Protein backbone atom coordinates (compact mmCIF):
# COMPACT_ATOMS: atom_id res chain seq x y z
CA MET A 1 14.99 -31.60 121.26
CA GLY A 2 13.06 -29.37 118.84
CA ARG A 3 14.03 -26.22 116.67
CA PHE A 4 11.10 -23.92 115.21
CA ASP A 5 11.62 -21.21 113.32
CA ILE A 6 8.42 -18.70 113.24
CA ILE A 7 7.96 -15.92 110.22
CA VAL A 8 5.67 -13.55 112.93
CA ASN A 9 4.65 -9.66 111.23
CA ASN A 10 3.50 -11.08 107.78
CA PRO A 11 0.51 -8.62 106.46
CA PHE A 12 -1.11 -11.61 104.80
CA ASP A 13 -2.15 -13.29 108.09
CA THR A 14 -5.79 -13.40 109.01
CA PRO A 15 -7.07 -14.19 112.17
CA ASP A 16 -7.72 -17.62 110.86
CA THR A 17 -4.13 -18.26 110.46
CA MET A 18 -2.83 -16.99 113.27
CA LYS A 19 -5.28 -19.55 115.13
CA GLU A 20 -4.24 -22.09 113.48
CA THR A 21 -0.10 -21.43 113.74
CA ARG A 22 -0.76 -21.06 117.90
CA GLU A 23 -2.74 -24.86 117.28
CA LEU A 24 0.83 -26.10 115.71
CA ILE A 25 2.40 -24.78 118.62
CA LYS A 26 0.55 -26.17 120.67
CA LYS A 27 0.96 -29.88 119.57
CA LEU A 28 4.55 -29.96 119.28
CA THR A 29 6.79 -32.05 121.90
CA LEU A 30 8.23 -31.05 124.53
CA PRO A 31 10.64 -29.77 124.32
CA PHE A 32 11.55 -27.77 121.65
CA ILE A 33 12.73 -23.93 121.07
CA VAL A 34 10.67 -21.60 119.15
CA ARG A 35 12.34 -18.33 117.38
CA ASN A 36 10.68 -15.69 115.83
CA PHE A 37 11.49 -13.87 113.06
CA GLU A 38 9.87 -10.62 110.89
CA MET A 39 8.59 -10.44 108.20
CA ARG A 40 10.89 -8.58 105.89
CA PHE A 41 9.95 -7.31 102.42
CA PHE A 42 13.32 -7.62 100.03
CA PRO A 43 13.59 -6.04 96.91
CA GLY A 44 11.92 -7.52 93.52
CA THR A 45 11.13 -10.49 95.21
CA ASP A 46 7.76 -11.52 94.19
CA LEU A 47 5.87 -11.48 97.57
CA THR A 48 7.33 -7.89 98.11
CA ILE A 49 5.56 -6.83 94.69
CA LYS A 50 2.24 -9.28 95.42
CA ALA A 51 2.47 -6.84 98.90
CA VAL A 52 3.11 -3.95 97.63
CA ASN A 53 0.40 -4.34 94.70
CA ASP A 54 -2.38 -5.29 96.98
CA GLY A 55 -1.09 -2.10 99.43
CA LEU A 56 -0.24 -4.05 102.61
CA ILE A 57 2.72 -2.06 101.99
CA GLU A 58 4.62 1.52 100.51
CA PRO A 59 7.49 1.19 98.61
CA ASP A 60 9.19 2.66 100.50
CA ASP A 61 8.48 -0.38 103.16
CA VAL A 62 10.70 -2.45 101.11
CA GLU A 63 14.16 -3.28 102.94
CA GLY A 64 17.26 -2.08 101.13
CA GLN A 65 15.12 1.80 100.08
CA ARG A 66 15.20 3.97 102.65
CA TRP A 67 16.28 2.12 105.79
CA CYS A 68 17.63 -1.02 107.40
CA LYS A 69 16.06 -3.36 109.66
CA PHE A 70 17.81 -5.38 112.63
CA GLY A 71 15.08 -7.05 114.80
CA ASN A 72 13.52 -4.08 116.20
CA TRP A 73 16.10 -1.51 115.70
CA HIS A 74 15.02 0.55 112.90
CA PHE A 75 18.49 2.51 109.99
CA ASN A 76 17.16 5.97 108.87
CA TYR A 77 19.94 5.49 105.91
CA GLU A 78 20.88 3.28 102.83
CA CYS A 79 22.10 0.09 103.69
CA GLY A 80 24.45 -0.27 101.08
């Protein structure tokens, strides 16, 4: 059985790349498991710096700056 992890909520995605992802999933051989994970931005990474510089996220959206995010839960305290 195939297992695939897909990152969602990527601010760099476009309608075209999202369509490509859907088309790829349709081509997977059954049976398979697909797990979705939300995009996370960590301090100091090239991806985070690019997202902030491109105006796609705010500096406060960076994981560990003011909040922790676990799944769909947001906690407003330092992640330590």
